[in-house]
Amino acid sequence: MVTPHIPAGTALLADFNQLKLFFKQYMRMDIDPDGGFSQNAIRFRAESFVGIGILRPQAFAVVKLTGTG
């Protein structure tokens, strides 16, 4: 099932070394220096188009969690 989140009571068990990102384009990074010295802050935003390759599907599992007691 495709979902943007993992529901409560469920976990993803994975060896993320078996996942590969394929970059389609360069990464664009925008910097907003207007955080100012009074806040000692700066903002960054990065965007890129990527694909995900699962090298070994057996390295990923969805696990149903159960409570004890």
PDB file of N, CA and C in Angstrom:
ATOM      1  N   MET A   1       0.842  -1.173   0.000  1.00  0.00           N
ATOM      2  CA  MET A   1       0.000   0.000   0.000  1.00  0.00           C
ATOM      3  C   MET A   1       0.890   1.241   0.000  1.00  0.00           C
ATOM      4  N   VAL A   2       0.597   2.197  -0.853  1.00  0.00           N
ATOM      5  CA  VAL A   2       1.334   3.447  -0.916  1.00  0.00           C
ATOM      6  C   VAL A   2       0.686   4.424   0.060  1.00  0.00           C
ATOM      7  N   THR A   3       1.487   4.986   0.955  1.00  0.00           N
ATOM      8  CA  THR A   3       0.976   5.914   1.951  1.00  0.00           C
ATOM      9  C   THR A   3       2.037   6.957   2.274  1.00  0.00           C
ATOM     10  N   PRO A   4       1.644   8.177   2.563  1.00  0.00           N
ATOM     11  CA  PRO A   4       2.627   9.200   2.906  1.00  0.00           C
ATOM     12  C   PRO A   4       3.111   9.103   4.347  1.00  0.00           C
ATOM     13  N   HIS A   5       2.577   8.179   5.124  1.00  0.00           N
ATOM     14  CA  HIS A   5       2.986   8.019   6.518  1.00  0.00           C
ATOM     15  C   HIS A   5       2.841   6.561   6.934  1.00  0.00           C
ATOM     16  N   ILE A   6       3.407   6.254   8.077  1.00  0.00           N
ATOM     17  CA  ILE A   6       3.273   4.910   8.634  1.00  0.00           C
ATOM     18  C   ILE A   6       2.264   4.999   9.775  1.00  0.00           C
ATOM     19  N   PRO A   7       1.181   4.241   9.727  1.00  0.00           N
ATOM     20  CA  PRO A   7       0.146   4.352  10.766  1.00  0.00           C
ATOM     21  C   PRO A   7       0.631   3.884  12.134  1.00  0.00           C
ATOM     22  N   ALA A   8      -0.049   4.332  13.161  1.00  0.00           N
ATOM     23  CA  ALA A   8       0.266   3.927  14.526  1.00  0.00           C
ATOM     24  C   ALA A   8       0.178   2.406  14.643  1.00  0.00           C
ATOM     25  N   GLY A   9       1.102   1.830  15.408  1.00  0.00           N
ATOM     26  CA  GLY A   9       1.113   0.386  15.587  1.00  0.00           C
ATOM     27  C   GLY A   9       1.852  -0.365  14.492  1.00  0.00           C
ATOM     28  N   THR A  10       2.509   0.371  13.599  1.00  0.00           N
ATOM     29  CA  THR A  10       3.233  -0.224  12.482  1.00  0.00           C
ATOM     30  C   THR A  10       4.637   0.364  12.423  1.00  0.00           C
ATOM     31  N   ALA A  11       5.603  -0.450  12.024  1.00  0.00           N
ATOM     32  CA  ALA A  11       6.987   0.018  11.895  1.00  0.00           C
ATOM     33  C   ALA A  11       7.562  -0.469  10.571  1.00  0.00           C
ATOM     34  N   LEU A  12       8.575   0.218  10.098  1.00  0.00           N
ATOM     35  CA  LEU A  12       9.318  -0.192   8.908  1.00  0.00           C
ATOM     36  C   LEU A  12      10.686  -0.664   9.368  1.00  0.00           C
ATOM     37  N   LEU A  13      10.982  -1.927   9.134  1.00  0.00           N
ATOM     38  CA  LEU A  13      12.277  -2.513   9.474  1.00  0.00           C
ATOM     39  C   LEU A  13      13.060  -2.631   8.170  1.00  0.00           C
ATOM     40  N   ALA A  14      14.241  -2.002   8.112  1.00  0.00           N
ATOM     41  CA  ALA A  14      14.929  -1.956   6.823  1.00  0.00           C
ATOM     42  C   ALA A  14      16.436  -1.859   6.983  1.00  0.00           C
ATOM     43  N   ASP A  15      17.126  -2.391   6.000  1.00  0.00           N
ATOM     44  CA  ASP A  15      18.558  -2.173   5.836  1.00  0.00           C
ATOM     45  C   ASP A  15      18.690  -1.131   4.732  1.00  0.00           C
ATOM     46  N   PHE A  16      18.828   0.134   5.121  1.00  0.00           N
ATOM     47  CA  PHE A  16      18.837   1.218   4.144  1.00  0.00           C
ATOM     48  C   PHE A  16      20.098   1.247   3.283  1.00  0.00           C
ATOM     49  N   ASN A  17      21.058   0.365   3.567  1.00  0.00           N
ATOM     50  CA  ASN A  17      22.199   0.204   2.657  1.00  0.00           C
ATOM     51  C   ASN A  17      21.754  -0.449   1.347  1.00  0.00           C
ATOM     52  N   GLN A  18      20.572  -1.063   1.360  1.00  0.00           N
ATOM     53  CA  GLN A  18      20.041  -1.722   0.172  1.00  0.00           C
ATOM     54  C   GLN A  18      19.118  -0.804  -0.635  1.00  0.00           C
ATOM     55  N   LEU A  19      19.145   0.479  -0.346  1.00  0.00           N
ATOM     56  CA  LEU A  19      18.354   1.476  -1.055  1.00  0.00           C
ATOM     57  C   LEU A  19      19.312   2.442  -1.758  1.00  0.00           C
ATOM     58  N   LYS A  20      19.007   2.809  -2.973  1.00  0.00           N
ATOM     59  CA  LYS A  20      19.883   3.707  -3.726  1.00  0.00           C
ATOM     60  C   LYS A  20      19.059   4.853  -4.291  1.00  0.00           C
ATOM     61  N   LEU A  21      19.594   6.069  -4.175  1.00  0.00           N
ATOM     62  CA  LEU A  21      18.964   7.243  -4.768  1.00  0.00           C
ATOM     63  C   LEU A  21      19.603   7.529  -6.111  1.00  0.00           C
ATOM     64  N   PHE A  22      18.777   7.778  -7.111  1.00  0.00           N
ATOM     65  CA  PHE A  22      19.248   8.144  -8.443  1.00  0.00           C
ATOM     66  C   PHE A  22      18.851   9.594  -8.680  1.00  0.00           C
ATOM     67  N   PHE A  23      19.832  10.451  -8.863  1.00  0.00           N
ATOM     68  CA  PHE A  23      19.565  11.867  -9.082  1.00  0.00           C
ATOM     69  C   PHE A  23      19.321  12.125 -10.559  1.00  0.00           C
ATOM     70  N   LYS A  24      18.153  12.685 -10.870  1.00  0.00           N
ATOM     71  CA  LYS A  24      17.788  12.964 -12.254  1.00  0.00           C
ATOM     72  C   LYS A  24      18.376  14.294 -12.723  1.00  0.00           C
ATOM     73  N   GLN A  25      18.465  15.233 -11.821  1.00  0.00           N
ATOM     74  CA  GLN A  25      18.991  16.552 -12.144  1.00  0.00           C
ATOM     75  C   GLN A  25      19.908  16.997 -11.019  1.00  0.00           C
ATOM     76  N   TYR A  26      20.467  18.168 -11.191  1.00  0.00           N
ATOM     77  CA  TYR A  26      21.280  18.779 -10.151  1.00  0.00           C
ATOM     78  C   TYR A  26      20.396  19.164  -8.967  1.00  0.00           C
ATOM     79  N   MET A  27      21.015  19.460  -7.842  1.00  0.00           N
ATOM     80  CA  MET A  27      20.270  19.930  -6.678  1.00  0.00           C
ATOM     81  C   MET A  27      20.308  21.454  -6.662  1.00  0.00           C
ATOM     82  N   ARG A  28      19.143  22.038  -6.470  1.00  0.00           N
ATOM     83  CA  ARG A  28      19.052  23.489  -6.366  1.00  0.00           C
ATOM     84  C   ARG A  28      18.949  23.852  -4.891  1.00  0.00           C
ATOM     85  N   MET A  29      19.765  24.815  -4.457  1.00  0.00           N
ATOM     86  CA  MET A  29      19.716  25.263  -3.072  1.00  0.00           C
ATOM     87  C   MET A  29      19.505  26.768  -3.038  1.00  0.00           C
ATOM     88  N   ASP A  30      18.476  27.184  -2.311  1.00  0.00           N
ATOM     89  CA  ASP A  30      18.197  28.601  -2.112  1.00  0.00           C
ATOM     90  C   ASP A  30      18.580  28.964  -0.687  1.00  0.00           C
ATOM     91  N   ILE A  31      19.183  30.148  -0.539  1.00  0.00           N
ATOM     92  CA  ILE A  31      19.608  30.637   0.766  1.00  0.00           C
ATOM     93  C   ILE A  31      18.903  31.953   1.044  1.00  0.00           C
ATOM     94  N   ASP A  32      18.293  32.058   2.213  1.00  0.00           N
ATOM     95  CA  ASP A  32      17.629  33.289   2.647  1.00  0.00           C
ATOM     96  C   ASP A  32      18.409  33.851   3.831  1.00  0.00           C
ATOM     97  N   PRO A  33      19.291  34.827   3.584  1.00  0.00           N
ATOM     98  CA  PRO A  33      20.120  35.357   4.669  1.00  0.00           C
ATOM     99  C   PRO A  33      19.399  36.368   5.555  1.00  0.00           C
ATOM    100  N   ASP A  34      18.102  36.590   5.327  1.00  0.00           N
ATOM    101  CA  ASP A  34      17.392  37.629   6.066  1.00  0.00           C
ATOM    102  C   ASP A  34      16.962  37.207   7.460  1.00  0.00           C
ATOM    103  N   GLY A  35      17.495  36.111   7.959  1.00  0.00           N
ATOM    104  CA  GLY A  35      17.230  35.749   9.345  1.00  0.00           C
ATOM    105  C   GLY A  35      17.788  36.798  10.285  1.00  0.00           C
ATOM    106  N   GLY A  36      18.851  37.442   9.869  1.00  0.00           N
ATOM    107  CA  GLY A  36      19.423  38.562  10.615  1.00  0.00           C
ATOM    108  C   GLY A  36      20.332  38.134  11.743  1.00  0.00           C
ATOM    109  N   PHE A  37      21.196  39.048  12.136  1.00  0.00           N
ATOM    110  CA  PHE A  37      22.136  38.760  13.218  1.00  0.00           C
ATOM    111  C   PHE A  37      21.447  38.754  14.580  1.00  0.00           C
ATOM    112  N   SER A  38      20.314  39.448  14.707  1.00  0.00           N
ATOM    113  CA  SER A  38      19.615  39.446  15.995  1.00  0.00           C
ATOM    114  C   SER A  38      19.069  38.061  16.328  1.00  0.00           C
ATOM    115  N   GLN A  39      18.746  37.258  15.294  1.00  0.00           N
ATOM    116  CA  GLN A  39      18.237  35.906  15.526  1.00  0.00           C
ATOM    117  C   GLN A  39      19.329  34.850  15.354  1.00  0.00           C
ATOM    118  N   ASN A  40      20.476  35.275  14.806  1.00  0.00           N
ATOM    119  CA  ASN A  40      21.568  34.340  14.542  1.00  0.00           C
ATOM    120  C   ASN A  40      21.065  33.135  13.745  1.00  0.00           C
ATOM    121  N   ALA A  41      20.332  33.414  12.650  1.00  0.00           N
ATOM    122  CA  ALA A  41      19.710  32.341  11.878  1.00  0.00           C
ATOM    123  C   ALA A  41      19.823  32.619  10.389  1.00  0.00           C
ATOM    124  N   ILE A  42      19.754  31.547   9.624  1.00  0.00           N
ATOM    125  CA  ILE A  42      19.720  31.612   8.166  1.00  0.00           C
ATOM    126  C   ILE A  42      18.846  30.449   7.703  1.00  0.00           C
ATOM    127  N   ARG A  43      18.146  30.607   6.586  1.00  0.00           N
ATOM    128  CA  ARG A  43      17.275  29.545   6.087  1.00  0.00           C
ATOM    129  C   ARG A  43      17.805  29.013   4.765  1.00  0.00           C
ATOM    130  N   PHE A  44      17.718  27.693   4.604  1.00  0.00           N
ATOM    131  CA  PHE A  44      18.103  27.014   3.378  1.00  0.00           C
ATOM    132  C   PHE A  44      16.910  26.211   2.869  1.00  0.00           C
ATOM    133  N   ARG A  45      16.819  26.085   1.546  1.00  0.00           N
ATOM    134  CA  ARG A  45      15.842  25.180   0.928  1.00  0.00           C
ATOM    135  C   ARG A  45      16.553  24.471  -0.214  1.00  0.00           C
ATOM    136  N   ALA A  46      16.436  23.156  -0.247  1.00  0.00           N
ATOM    137  CA  ALA A  46      17.079  22.381  -1.303  1.00  0.00           C
ATOM    138  C   ALA A  46      16.028  21.531  -2.007  1.00  0.00           C
ATOM    139  N   GLU A  47      16.142  21.453  -3.338  1.00  0.00           N
ATOM    140  CA  GLU A  47      15.214  20.666  -4.143  1.00  0.00           C
ATOM    141  C   GLU A  47      15.995  19.872  -5.187  1.00  0.00           C
ATOM    142  N   SER A  48      15.525  18.659  -5.443  1.00  0.00           N
ATOM    143  CA  SER A  48      16.133  17.834  -6.473  1.00  0.00           C
ATOM    144  C   SER A  48      15.125  16.767  -6.893  1.00  0.00           C
ATOM    145  N   PHE A  49      15.216  16.317  -8.124  1.00  0.00           N
ATOM    146  CA  PHE A  49      14.400  15.210  -8.607  1.00  0.00           C
ATOM    147  C   PHE A  49      15.209  13.933  -8.445  1.00  0.00           C
ATOM    148  N   VAL A  50      14.661  12.969  -7.698  1.00  0.00           N
ATOM    149  CA  VAL A  50      15.376  11.722  -7.451  1.00  0.00           C
ATOM    150  C   VAL A  50      14.457  10.532  -7.682  1.00  0.00           C
ATOM    151  N   GLY A  51      15.061   9.412  -7.956  1.00  0.00           N
ATOM    152  CA  GLY A  51      14.359   8.144  -8.023  1.00  0.00           C
ATOM    153  C   GLY A  51      14.916   7.242  -6.937  1.00  0.00           C
ATOM    154  N   ILE A  52      14.139   6.276  -6.520  1.00  0.00           N
ATOM    155  CA  ILE A  52      14.568   5.356  -5.472  1.00  0.00           C
ATOM    156  C   ILE A  52      14.645   3.951  -6.062  1.00  0.00           C
ATOM    157  N   GLY A  53      15.770   3.303  -5.848  1.00  0.00           N
ATOM    158  CA  GLY A  53      15.939   1.914  -6.275  1.00  0.00           C
ATOM    159  C   GLY A  53      16.140   1.025  -5.060  1.00  0.00           C
ATOM    160  N   ILE A  54      15.362  -0.033  -4.960  1.00  0.00           N
ATOM    161  CA  ILE A  54      15.524  -0.997  -3.878  1.00  0.00           C
ATOM    162  C   ILE A  54      16.335  -2.153  -4.432  1.00  0.00           C
ATOM    163  N   LEU A  55      17.571  -2.279  -3.946  1.00  0.00           N
ATOM    164  CA  LEU A  55      18.503  -3.267  -4.478  1.00  0.00           C
ATOM    165  C   LEU A  55      18.171  -4.687  -4.013  1.00  0.00           C
ATOM    166  N   ARG A  56      17.627  -4.809  -2.814  1.00  0.00           N
ATOM    167  CA  ARG A  56      17.276  -6.128  -2.263  1.00  0.00           C
ATOM    168  C   ARG A  56      15.949  -5.995  -1.515  1.00  0.00           C
ATOM    169  N   PRO A  57      14.832  -6.307  -2.161  1.00  0.00           N
ATOM    170  CA  PRO A  57      13.513  -6.133  -1.534  1.00  0.00           C
ATOM    171  C   PRO A  57      13.356  -6.875  -0.203  1.00  0.00           C
ATOM    172  N   GLN A  58      14.066  -7.993  -0.029  1.00  0.00           N
ATOM    173  CA  GLN A  58      13.955  -8.750   1.220  1.00  0.00           C
ATOM    174  C   GLN A  58      14.519  -7.980   2.414  1.00  0.00           C
ATOM    175  N   ALA A  59      15.237  -6.904   2.172  1.00  0.00           N
ATOM    176  CA  ALA A  59      15.835  -6.114   3.253  1.00  0.00           C
ATOM    177  C   ALA A  59      14.845  -5.117   3.846  1.00  0.00           C
ATOM    178  N   PHE A  60      13.591  -5.107   3.374  1.00  0.00           N
ATOM    179  CA  PHE A  60      12.577  -4.175   3.845  1.00  0.00           C
ATOM    180  C   PHE A  60      11.341  -4.945   4.278  1.00  0.00           C
ATOM    181  N   ALA A  61      10.823  -4.602   5.452  1.00  0.00           N
ATOM    182  CA  ALA A  61       9.637  -5.287   5.964  1.00  0.00           C
ATOM    183  C   ALA A  61       8.774  -4.305   6.748  1.00  0.00           C
ATOM    184  N   VAL A  62       7.454  -4.457   6.614  1.00  0.00           N
ATOM    185  CA  VAL A  62       6.500  -3.715   7.435  1.00  0.00           C
ATOM    186  C   VAL A  62       6.130  -4.616   8.602  1.00  0.00           C
ATOM    187  N   VAL A  63       6.236  -4.088   9.814  1.00  0.00           N
ATOM    188  CA  VAL A  63       6.048  -4.885  11.020  1.00  0.00           C
ATOM    189  C   VAL A  63       4.865  -4.340  11.815  1.00  0.00           C
ATOM    190  N   LYS A  64       3.969  -5.222  12.213  1.00  0.00           N
ATOM    191  CA  LYS A  64       2.834  -4.860  13.067  1.00  0.00           C
ATOM    192  C   LYS A  64       3.303  -4.929  14.521  1.00  0.00           C
ATOM    193  N   LEU A  65       3.154  -3.823  15.242  1.00  0.00           N
ATOM    194  CA  LEU A  65       3.581  -3.781  16.634  1.00  0.00           C
ATOM    195  C   LEU A  65       2.421  -4.128  17.550  1.00  0.00           C
ATOM    196  N   THR A  66       2.713  -4.850  18.617  1.00  0.00           N
ATOM    197  CA  THR A  66       1.695  -5.176  19.608  1.00  0.00           C
ATOM    198  C   THR A  66       2.194  -4.764  20.971  1.00  0.00           C
ATOM    199  N   GLY A  67       1.294  -4.311  21.816  1.00  0.00           N
ATOM    200  CA  GLY A  67       1.662  -3.900  23.164  1.00  0.00           C
ATOM    201  C   GLY A  67       1.768  -5.105  24.090  1.00  0.00           C
ATOM    202  N   THR A  68       2.520  -4.947  25.160  1.00  0.00           N
ATOM    203  CA  THR A  68       2.636  -6.013  26.160  1.00  0.00           C
ATOM    204  C   THR A  68       2.010  -5.526  27.454  1.00  0.00           C
ATOM    205  N   GLY A  69       1.396  -6.423  28.151  1.00  0.00           N
ATOM    206  CA  GLY A  69       0.854  -6.088  29.460  1.00  0.00           C
ATOM    207  C   GLY A  69      -0.535  -5.723  29.380  1.00  0.00           C
TER     208      GLY A  69
END
